PDB file of N, CA and C in Angstrom:
ATOM      1  N   MET A   1      11.920  -4.727  15.742  1.00  0.00           N
ATOM      2  CA  MET A   1      11.050  -3.551  15.220  1.00  0.00           C
ATOM      3  C   MET A   1      11.326  -3.061  14.003  1.00  0.00           C
ATOM      4  N   SER A   2      12.986  -3.211  13.616  1.00  0.00           N
ATOM      5  CA  SER A   2      13.150  -2.938  12.358  1.00  0.00           C
ATOM      6  C   SER A   2      12.445  -3.792  11.276  1.00  0.00           C
ATOM      7  N   THR A   3      12.255  -5.027  11.866  1.00  0.00           N
ATOM      8  CA  THR A   3      11.786  -6.250  10.994  1.00  0.00           C
ATOM      9  C   THR A   3      10.463  -5.660  10.462  1.00  0.00           C
ATOM     10  N   ASN A   4       9.730  -5.263  11.726  1.00  0.00           N
ATOM     11  CA  ASN A   4       8.454  -5.408  11.766  1.00  0.00           C
ATOM     12  C   ASN A   4       7.871  -4.010  10.714  1.00  0.00           C
ATOM     13  N   ASN A   5       8.751  -2.999  10.906  1.00  0.00           N
ATOM     14  CA  ASN A   5       8.482  -1.886  10.269  1.00  0.00           C
ATOM     15  C   ASN A   5       8.940  -1.904   8.697  1.00  0.00           C
ATOM     16  N   ALA A   6       9.816  -2.932   8.465  1.00  0.00           N
ATOM     17  CA  ALA A   6      10.266  -3.288   7.042  1.00  0.00           C
ATOM     18  C   ALA A   6       9.006  -3.921   6.387  1.00  0.00           C
ATOM     19  N   SER A   7       8.553  -5.157   7.325  1.00  0.00           N
ATOM     20  CA  SER A   7       7.445  -5.801   7.061  1.00  0.00           C
ATOM     21  C   SER A   7       6.267  -4.900   6.629  1.00  0.00           C
ATOM     22  N   SER A   8       6.013  -3.778   7.420  1.00  0.00           N
ATOM     23  CA  SER A   8       4.530  -3.085   7.278  1.00  0.00           C
ATOM     24  C   SER A   8       5.053  -2.502   5.537  1.00  0.00           C
ATOM     25  N   PHE A   9       6.025  -1.923   5.554  1.00  0.00           N
ATOM     26  CA  PHE A   9       6.331  -0.968   4.334  1.00  0.00           C
ATOM     27  C   PHE A   9       6.117  -1.803   3.368  1.00  0.00           C
ATOM     28  N   HIS A  10       6.747  -3.309   3.413  1.00  0.00           N
ATOM     29  CA  HIS A  10       6.442  -4.043   1.920  1.00  0.00           C
ATOM     30  C   HIS A  10       5.203  -4.336   1.908  1.00  0.00           C
ATOM     31  N   HIS A  11       4.531  -4.492   3.018  1.00  0.00           N
ATOM     32  CA  HIS A  11       2.886  -4.704   2.774  1.00  0.00           C
ATOM     33  C   HIS A  11       2.288  -3.868   2.022  1.00  0.00           C
ATOM     34  N   MET A  12       2.348  -2.360   2.296  1.00  0.00           N
ATOM     35  CA  MET A  12       2.076  -1.071   2.241  1.00  0.00           C
ATOM     36  C   MET A  12       2.220  -1.058   0.669  1.00  0.00           C
ATOM     37  N   VAL A  13       3.493  -1.292   0.105  1.00  0.00           N
ATOM     38  CA  VAL A  13       3.805  -1.539  -1.554  1.00  0.00           C
ATOM     39  C   VAL A  13       3.447  -2.424  -1.810  1.00  0.00           C
ATOM     40  N   LEU A  14       3.321  -3.228  -1.607  1.00  0.00           N
ATOM     41  CA  LEU A  14       2.125  -4.624  -2.369  1.00  0.00           C
ATOM     42  C   LEU A  14       0.781  -3.958  -2.344  1.00  0.00           C
ATOM     43  N   TRP A  15       0.326  -3.376  -1.445  1.00  0.00           N
ATOM     44  CA  TRP A  15      -1.340  -2.883  -1.223  1.00  0.00           C
ATOM     45  C   TRP A  15      -1.371  -1.658  -2.499  1.00  0.00           C
ATOM     46  N   ASN A  16      -0.428  -1.014  -2.426  1.00  0.00           N
ATOM     47  CA  ASN A  16      -0.417   0.286  -3.448  1.00  0.00           C
ATOM     48  C   ASN A  16      -0.392  -0.123  -4.805  1.00  0.00           C
ATOM     49  N   LEU A  17       0.451  -1.486  -5.048  1.00  0.00           N
ATOM     50  CA  LEU A  17       0.449  -1.621  -6.577  1.00  0.00           C
ATOM     51  C   LEU A  17      -0.744  -2.453  -6.577  1.00  0.00           C
ATOM     52  N   ASP A  18      -1.368  -2.845  -5.875  1.00  0.00           N
ATOM     53  CA  ASP A  18      -2.488  -3.780  -6.241  1.00  0.00           C
ATOM     54  C   ASP A  18      -3.720  -2.620  -6.429  1.00  0.00           C
ATOM     55  N   LEU A  19      -3.793  -1.566  -5.569  1.00  0.00           N
ATOM     56  CA  LEU A  19      -4.585  -0.816  -6.346  1.00  0.00           C
ATOM     57  C   LEU A  19      -4.300   0.063  -7.651  1.00  0.00           C
ATOM     58  N   ILE A  20      -3.295   0.152  -7.906  1.00  0.00           N
ATOM     59  CA  ILE A  20      -2.595   0.716  -9.130  1.00  0.00           C
ATOM     60  C   ILE A  20      -3.316  -0.249  -9.971  1.00  0.00           C
ATOM     61  N   ALA A  21      -2.656  -1.394  -9.892  1.00  0.00           N
ATOM     62  CA  ALA A  21      -3.455  -2.645 -11.169  1.00  0.00           C
ATOM     63  C   ALA A  21      -4.774  -2.649 -11.163  1.00  0.00           C
ATOM     64  N   ARG A  22      -5.409  -2.107 -10.113  1.00  0.00           N
ATOM     65  CA  ARG A  22      -6.826  -2.220 -10.360  1.00  0.00           C
ATOM     66  C   ARG A  22      -7.758  -0.898 -10.788  1.00  0.00           C
ATOM     67  N   GLY A  23      -6.531   0.039 -11.273  1.00  0.00           N
ATOM     68  CA  GLY A  23      -6.972   1.485 -11.770  1.00  0.00           C
ATOM     69  C   GLY A  23      -6.815   2.446 -10.722  1.00  0.00           C
ATOM     70  N   GLY A  24      -6.081   2.397  -9.648  1.00  0.00           N
ATOM     71  CA  GLY A  24      -6.078   3.320  -8.752  1.00  0.00           C
ATOM     72  C   GLY A  24      -7.222   3.961  -8.399  1.00  0.00           C
ATOM     73  N   GLY A  25      -8.603   3.667  -8.449  1.00  0.00           N
ATOM     74  CA  GLY A  25      -9.634   4.071  -8.023  1.00  0.00           C
ATOM     75  C   GLY A  25     -10.044   4.360  -6.646  1.00  0.00           C
ATOM     76  N   SER A  26      -9.458   3.405  -5.827  1.00  0.00           N
ATOM     77  CA  SER A  26      -9.419   3.874  -4.261  1.00  0.00           C
ATOM     78  C   SER A  26      -8.193   4.479  -3.846  1.00  0.00           C
ATOM     79  N   ASP A  27      -7.565   5.356  -4.613  1.00  0.00           N
ATOM     80  CA  ASP A  27      -6.343   6.190  -3.966  1.00  0.00           C
ATOM     81  C   ASP A  27      -6.885   7.094  -3.022  1.00  0.00           C
ATOM     82  N   GLU A  28      -7.705   7.819  -3.301  1.00  0.00           N
ATOM     83  CA  GLU A  28      -8.555   9.169  -2.905  1.00  0.00           C
ATOM     84  C   GLU A  28      -8.673   8.669  -1.422  1.00  0.00           C
ATOM     85  N   ILE A  29      -9.365   7.558  -1.446  1.00  0.00           N
ATOM     86  CA  ILE A  29      -9.734   7.233   0.037  1.00  0.00           C
ATOM     87  C   ILE A  29      -8.736   6.909   0.976  1.00  0.00           C
ATOM     88  N   LEU A  30      -7.713   6.196   0.567  1.00  0.00           N
ATOM     89  CA  LEU A  30      -6.731   5.899   1.329  1.00  0.00           C
ATOM     90  C   LEU A  30      -6.017   7.249   1.820  1.00  0.00           C
ATOM     91  N   TYR A  31      -5.937   8.507   0.786  1.00  0.00           N
ATOM     92  CA  TYR A  31      -5.549   9.492   1.160  1.00  0.00           C
ATOM     93  C   TYR A  31      -6.215  10.344   1.957  1.00  0.00           C
ATOM     94  N   ASP A  32      -7.473  10.351   2.121  1.00  0.00           N
ATOM     95  CA  ASP A  32      -8.554  11.386   2.309  1.00  0.00           C
ATOM     96  C   ASP A  32      -8.137  11.615   3.831  1.00  0.00           C
TER      97      ASP A  32
END
């Protein structure tokens, strides 16, 4: 379970970094 959570968190970080790299235009959609 811990490994799964860590994996999900890592994926989430990479996803957010990707959005920021693209300009963060989709940020508002994720947090809507």
